[in-house]
Amino acid sequence: MKLVCKTITTPLGPMLLAATDVGLAGLWFNGQQHFPDVSTWHVVSTQRWLDQAEEEVQAYFHGQRRQFDTPRSAAWGTPFQRNVWEALTAIPWGATTTYGKLATQLHKPLAARAIGAAVGRNPWSIMVPCHRVLGSNGSLTGYAGGLERKMDLLRREGVLSDPIDLLPLN
């Protein structure tokens, strides 16, 4: 599978976008955990899915978009991870859930830690809203892009008003 990529500028730092011929393969903050090895990818200035994703990400950061329409291309991940990532897309803008609730929703009530590991490997930062998942007590927990970015994203969505607030569970 041929991957093409480009880097865009966002208020939270540069983001790498990668795509195949059928959709967006990933969207990562530079330097985040699980950042892919891009040594074999082709850097391009324009491509259909990269361009659409960039427009949508910029609109999100300007408060003009709450969901994303760019098709995703599942270039990686196990079936379990893909199921978790798909479940994340159902968390609405401005809402949160917990790892435990996701585990129950996916009929894996004892798998909250495995759910957390899959959430952490989400290749579509922001578009697949892993930043909306919290600890069981509503606390901020890990985010591959860093907790400061997670807090910023939740503030943008009206979930968090103060960096030390505990988040309401919806």
C-alpha atoms as a PDB file:
ATOM      1  CA  MET A   1       0.000   0.000   0.000  1.00  0.00           C
ATOM      2  CA  LYS A   2       1.397   3.378  -1.021  1.00  0.00           C
ATOM      3  CA  LEU A   3       1.210   6.077   1.643  1.00  0.00           C
ATOM      4  CA  VAL A   4       1.567   9.760   0.929  1.00  0.00           C
ATOM      5  CA  CYS A   5       1.907  12.405   3.605  1.00  0.00           C
ATOM      6  CA  LYS A   6       2.201  16.067   4.383  1.00  0.00           C
ATOM      7  CA  THR A   7       2.620  18.166   7.502  1.00  0.00           C
ATOM      8  CA  ILE A   8       0.171  20.903   8.409  1.00  0.00           C
ATOM      9  CA  THR A   9       0.323  23.685  10.984  1.00  0.00           C
ATOM     10  CA  THR A  10      -2.271  23.785  13.784  1.00  0.00           C
ATOM     11  CA  PRO A  11      -2.661  25.841  16.966  1.00  0.00           C
ATOM     12  CA  LEU A  12      -1.389  22.805  18.899  1.00  0.00           C
ATOM     13  CA  GLY A  13       1.672  22.284  16.748  1.00  0.00           C
ATOM     14  CA  PRO A  14       2.495  20.536  13.486  1.00  0.00           C
ATOM     15  CA  MET A  15       0.463  17.494  12.497  1.00  0.00           C
ATOM     16  CA  LEU A  16       1.382  14.780  10.045  1.00  0.00           C
ATOM     17  CA  LEU A  17      -1.379  13.578   7.739  1.00  0.00           C
ATOM     18  CA  ALA A  18      -1.031  10.316   5.803  1.00  0.00           C
ATOM     19  CA  ALA A  19      -3.338   8.893   3.161  1.00  0.00           C
ATOM     20  CA  THR A  20      -3.821   6.045   0.755  1.00  0.00           C
ATOM     21  CA  ASP A  21      -5.827   6.153  -2.462  1.00  0.00           C
ATOM     22  CA  VAL A  22      -9.009   5.320  -0.504  1.00  0.00           C
ATOM     23  CA  GLY A  23      -8.809   7.585   2.541  1.00  0.00           C
ATOM     24  CA  LEU A  24      -6.915   9.135   5.399  1.00  0.00           C
ATOM     25  CA  ALA A  25      -4.566   6.593   6.988  1.00  0.00           C
ATOM     26  CA  GLY A  26      -3.591   8.738   9.959  1.00  0.00           C
ATOM     27  CA  LEU A  27      -3.241  12.105  11.624  1.00  0.00           C
ATOM     28  CA  TRP A  28      -0.612  12.590  14.340  1.00  0.00           C
ATOM     29  CA  PHE A  29       0.838  15.465  16.323  1.00  0.00           C
ATOM     30  CA  ASN A  30       4.577  15.683  15.677  1.00  0.00           C
ATOM     31  CA  GLY A  31       6.429  13.917  18.461  1.00  0.00           C
ATOM     32  CA  GLN A  32       3.449  12.153  19.964  1.00  0.00           C
ATOM     33  CA  GLN A  33       3.660   8.602  21.254  1.00  0.00           C
ATOM     34  CA  HIS A  34       3.329   5.924  18.591  1.00  0.00           C
ATOM     35  CA  PHE A  35       4.411   8.357  15.869  1.00  0.00           C
ATOM     36  CA  PRO A  36       4.899   6.256  12.715  1.00  0.00           C
ATOM     37  CA  ASP A  37       8.104   5.635  10.835  1.00  0.00           C
ATOM     38  CA  VAL A  38       7.593   7.747   7.730  1.00  0.00           C
ATOM     39  CA  SER A  39      10.876   6.896   6.022  1.00  0.00           C
ATOM     40  CA  THR A  40       9.163   5.066   3.142  1.00  0.00           C
ATOM     41  CA  TRP A  41       6.267   7.473   2.701  1.00  0.00           C
ATOM     42  CA  HIS A  42       6.095   9.957  -0.137  1.00  0.00           C
ATOM     43  CA  VAL A  43       5.809  13.611   0.848  1.00  0.00           C
ATOM     44  CA  VAL A  44       3.347  15.479  -1.362  1.00  0.00           C
ATOM     45  CA  SER A  45       1.931  18.978  -1.350  1.00  0.00           C
ATOM     46  CA  THR A  46      -1.558  17.928  -2.370  1.00  0.00           C
ATOM     47  CA  GLN A  47      -3.698  14.810  -2.480  1.00  0.00           C
ATOM     48  CA  ARG A  48      -7.486  14.463  -2.315  1.00  0.00           C
ATOM     49  CA  TRP A  49      -7.786  12.985   1.208  1.00  0.00           C
ATOM     50  CA  LEU A  50      -4.923  14.979   2.674  1.00  0.00           C
ATOM     51  CA  ASP A  51      -6.441  18.212   1.388  1.00  0.00           C
ATOM     52  CA  GLN A  52      -9.935  17.369   2.674  1.00  0.00           C
ATOM     53  CA  ALA A  53      -8.573  16.349   6.092  1.00  0.00           C
ATOM     54  CA  GLU A  54      -6.512  19.544   6.326  1.00  0.00           C
ATOM     55  CA  GLU A  55      -9.573  21.683   5.588  1.00  0.00           C
ATOM     56  CA  GLU A  56     -11.605  19.827   8.206  1.00  0.00           C
ATOM     57  CA  VAL A  57      -8.879  20.022  10.869  1.00  0.00           C
ATOM     58  CA  GLN A  58      -8.448  23.763  10.300  1.00  0.00           C
ATOM     59  CA  ALA A  59     -12.227  24.271  10.493  1.00  0.00           C
ATOM     60  CA  TYR A  60     -12.300  22.284  13.768  1.00  0.00           C
ATOM     61  CA  PHE A  61      -9.622  24.516  15.287  1.00  0.00           C
ATOM     62  CA  HIS A  62     -11.536  27.619  14.163  1.00  0.00           C
ATOM     63  CA  GLY A  63     -14.746  26.375  15.816  1.00  0.00           C
ATOM     64  CA  GLN A  64     -16.455  25.742  12.476  1.00  0.00           C
ATOM     65  CA  ARG A  65     -16.566  21.925  12.521  1.00  0.00           C
ATOM     66  CA  ARG A  66     -17.570  19.352  15.115  1.00  0.00           C
ATOM     67  CA  GLN A  67     -17.221  16.134  13.130  1.00  0.00           C
ATOM     68  CA  PHE A  68     -15.116  14.900  10.257  1.00  0.00           C
ATOM     69  CA  ASP A  69     -16.198  13.477   6.908  1.00  0.00           C
ATOM     70  CA  THR A  70     -12.875  12.456   5.380  1.00  0.00           C
ATOM     71  CA  PRO A  71     -13.015   8.689   4.817  1.00  0.00           C
ATOM     72  CA  ARG A  72     -10.505   6.736   6.860  1.00  0.00           C
ATOM     73  CA  SER A  73      -8.303   4.022   5.415  1.00  0.00           C
ATOM     74  CA  ALA A  74      -7.511   1.296   7.937  1.00  0.00           C
ATOM     75  CA  ALA A  75      -3.845   0.910   7.105  1.00  0.00           C
ATOM     76  CA  TRP A  76      -3.006  -0.713  10.464  1.00  0.00           C
ATOM     77  CA  GLY A  77      -4.402  -2.034  13.698  1.00  0.00           C
ATOM     78  CA  THR A  78      -5.790  -5.335  14.892  1.00  0.00           C
ATOM     79  CA  PRO A  79      -9.494  -6.101  14.540  1.00  0.00           C
ATOM     80  CA  PHE A  80      -9.863  -5.332  18.271  1.00  0.00           C
ATOM     81  CA  GLN A  81      -8.138  -1.948  17.895  1.00  0.00           C
ATOM     82  CA  ARG A  82     -10.234  -1.104  14.856  1.00  0.00           C
ATOM     83  CA  ASN A  83     -13.415  -1.890  16.809  1.00  0.00           C
ATOM     84  CA  VAL A  84     -12.279   0.420  19.611  1.00  0.00           C
ATOM     85  CA  TRP A  85     -11.399   3.185  17.159  1.00  0.00           C
ATOM     86  CA  GLU A  86     -14.795   2.874  15.496  1.00  0.00           C
ATOM     87  CA  ALA A  87     -16.508   3.089  18.901  1.00  0.00           C
ATOM     88  CA  LEU A  88     -14.632   6.322  19.587  1.00  0.00           C
ATOM     89  CA  THR A  89     -16.292   7.947  16.574  1.00  0.00           C
ATOM     90  CA  ALA A  90     -19.655   7.654  18.350  1.00  0.00           C
ATOM     91  CA  ILE A  91     -18.587   9.964  21.211  1.00  0.00           C
ATOM     92  CA  PRO A  92     -20.202  13.274  20.299  1.00  0.00           C
ATOM     93  CA  TRP A  93     -18.488  16.643  20.308  1.00  0.00           C
ATOM     94  CA  GLY A  94     -18.595  18.138  23.796  1.00  0.00           C
ATOM     95  CA  ALA A  95     -19.186  14.776  25.503  1.00  0.00           C
ATOM     96  CA  THR A  96     -16.917  12.334  27.281  1.00  0.00           C
ATOM     97  CA  THR A  97     -16.879   8.686  28.256  1.00  0.00           C
ATOM     98  CA  THR A  98     -14.598   6.389  30.246  1.00  0.00           C
ATOM     99  CA  TYR A  99     -12.466   3.415  29.338  1.00  0.00           C
ATOM    100  CA  GLY A 100     -14.780   1.233  31.430  1.00  0.00           C
ATOM    101  CA  LYS A 101     -17.885   2.437  29.622  1.00  0.00           C
ATOM    102  CA  LEU A 102     -16.211   1.777  26.278  1.00  0.00           C
ATOM    103  CA  ALA A 103     -15.315  -1.723  27.463  1.00  0.00           C
ATOM    104  CA  THR A 104     -18.930  -2.386  28.432  1.00  0.00           C
ATOM    105  CA  GLN A 105     -20.202  -0.924  25.167  1.00  0.00           C
ATOM    106  CA  LEU A 106     -17.891  -3.269  23.241  1.00  0.00           C
ATOM    107  CA  HIS A 107     -19.093  -6.263  25.313  1.00  0.00           C
ATOM    108  CA  LYS A 108     -15.661  -6.608  26.932  1.00  0.00           C
ATOM    109  CA  PRO A 109     -16.446  -5.413  30.482  1.00  0.00           C
ATOM    110  CA  LEU A 110     -13.158  -6.679  31.922  1.00  0.00           C
ATOM    111  CA  ALA A 111     -11.011  -5.180  29.177  1.00  0.00           C
ATOM    112  CA  ALA A 112     -10.776  -1.521  30.212  1.00  0.00           C
ATOM    113  CA  ARG A 113      -6.959  -1.644  30.162  1.00  0.00           C
ATOM    114  CA  ALA A 114      -6.873  -3.238  26.711  1.00  0.00           C
ATOM    115  CA  ILE A 115      -9.372  -0.617  25.573  1.00  0.00           C
ATOM    116  CA  GLY A 116      -7.037   2.052  26.953  1.00  0.00           C
ATOM    117  CA  ALA A 117      -4.087   0.595  25.071  1.00  0.00           C
ATOM    118  CA  ALA A 118      -6.094   0.576  21.834  1.00  0.00           C
ATOM    119  CA  VAL A 119      -7.288   4.147  22.416  1.00  0.00           C
ATOM    120  CA  GLY A 120      -3.660   5.202  22.870  1.00  0.00           C
ATOM    121  CA  ARG A 121      -2.756   3.766  19.474  1.00  0.00           C
ATOM    122  CA  ASN A 122      -5.532   5.602  17.624  1.00  0.00           C
ATOM    123  CA  PRO A 123      -3.914   6.795  14.377  1.00  0.00           C
ATOM    124  CA  TRP A 124      -6.451   9.584  13.733  1.00  0.00           C
ATOM    125  CA  SER A 125      -5.898  12.188  16.469  1.00  0.00           C
ATOM    126  CA  ILE A 126      -8.822  14.596  16.783  1.00  0.00           C
ATOM    127  CA  MET A 127     -10.798  12.955  13.929  1.00  0.00           C
ATOM    128  CA  VAL A 128     -11.330   9.804  15.969  1.00  0.00           C
ATOM    129  CA  PRO A 129     -11.847  11.582  19.291  1.00  0.00           C
ATOM    130  CA  CYS A 130      -9.721   9.625  21.738  1.00  0.00           C
ATOM    131  CA  HIS A 131      -9.262  12.872  23.686  1.00  0.00           C
ATOM    132  CA  ARG A 132     -12.866  12.433  24.893  1.00  0.00           C
ATOM    133  CA  VAL A 133     -12.029   9.326  26.948  1.00  0.00           C
ATOM    134  CA  LEU A 134     -11.373   9.802  30.663  1.00  0.00           C
ATOM    135  CA  GLY A 135     -10.421   7.762  33.683  1.00  0.00           C
ATOM    136  CA  SER A 136     -13.139   6.033  35.702  1.00  0.00           C
ATOM    137  CA  ASN A 137     -13.389   8.963  38.141  1.00  0.00           C
ATOM    138  CA  GLY A 138     -13.560  11.543  35.351  1.00  0.00           C
ATOM    139  CA  SER A 139      -9.887  12.439  35.605  1.00  0.00           C
ATOM    140  CA  LEU A 140      -7.645  13.246  32.694  1.00  0.00           C
ATOM    141  CA  THR A 141      -5.531  10.275  31.807  1.00  0.00           C
ATOM    142  CA  GLY A 142      -2.972   9.577  29.121  1.00  0.00           C
ATOM    143  CA  TYR A 143      -3.148  11.042  25.666  1.00  0.00           C
ATOM    144  CA  ALA A 144      -0.585  10.121  23.012  1.00  0.00           C
ATOM    145  CA  GLY A 145      -0.359  13.781  21.988  1.00  0.00           C
ATOM    146  CA  GLY A 146       0.217  14.920  25.584  1.00  0.00           C
ATOM    147  CA  LEU A 147      -2.149  15.969  28.368  1.00  0.00           C
ATOM    148  CA  GLU A 148      -1.760  19.677  27.566  1.00  0.00           C
ATOM    149  CA  ARG A 149      -3.169  19.036  24.086  1.00  0.00           C
ATOM    150  CA  LYS A 150      -5.948  16.854  25.510  1.00  0.00           C
ATOM    151  CA  MET A 151      -6.925  19.659  27.884  1.00  0.00           C
ATOM    152  CA  ASP A 152      -6.887  22.186  25.039  1.00  0.00           C
ATOM    153  CA  LEU A 153      -9.103  19.990  22.861  1.00  0.00           C
ATOM    154  CA  LEU A 154     -11.580  19.461  25.705  1.00  0.00           C
ATOM    155  CA  ARG A 155     -11.632  23.202  26.420  1.00  0.00           C
ATOM    156  CA  ARG A 156     -12.381  23.876  22.749  1.00  0.00           C
ATOM    157  CA  GLU A 157     -15.330  21.500  23.010  1.00  0.00           C
ATOM    158  CA  GLY A 158     -16.640  23.123  26.193  1.00  0.00           C
ATOM    159  CA  VAL A 159     -16.007  20.080  28.383  1.00  0.00           C
ATOM    160  CA  LEU A 160     -13.185  21.564  30.444  1.00  0.00           C
ATOM    161  CA  SER A 161     -13.134  25.122  31.701  1.00  0.00           C
ATOM    162  CA  ASP A 162     -10.129  25.043  34.016  1.00  0.00           C
ATOM    163  CA  PRO A 163      -6.997  22.911  33.658  1.00  0.00           C
ATOM    164  CA  ILE A 164      -7.433  21.444  37.128  1.00  0.00           C
ATOM    165  CA  ASP A 165     -11.166  20.712  36.899  1.00  0.00           C
ATOM    166  CA  LEU A 166     -12.346  17.161  37.049  1.00  0.00           C
ATOM    167  CA  LEU A 167     -14.387  16.519  33.958  1.00  0.00           C
ATOM    168  CA  PRO A 168     -18.108  15.763  34.100  1.00  0.00           C
ATOM    169  CA  LEU A 169     -18.973  12.308  32.839  1.00  0.00           C
ATOM    170  CA  ASN A 170     -21.727  12.266  30.255  1.00  0.00           C
END
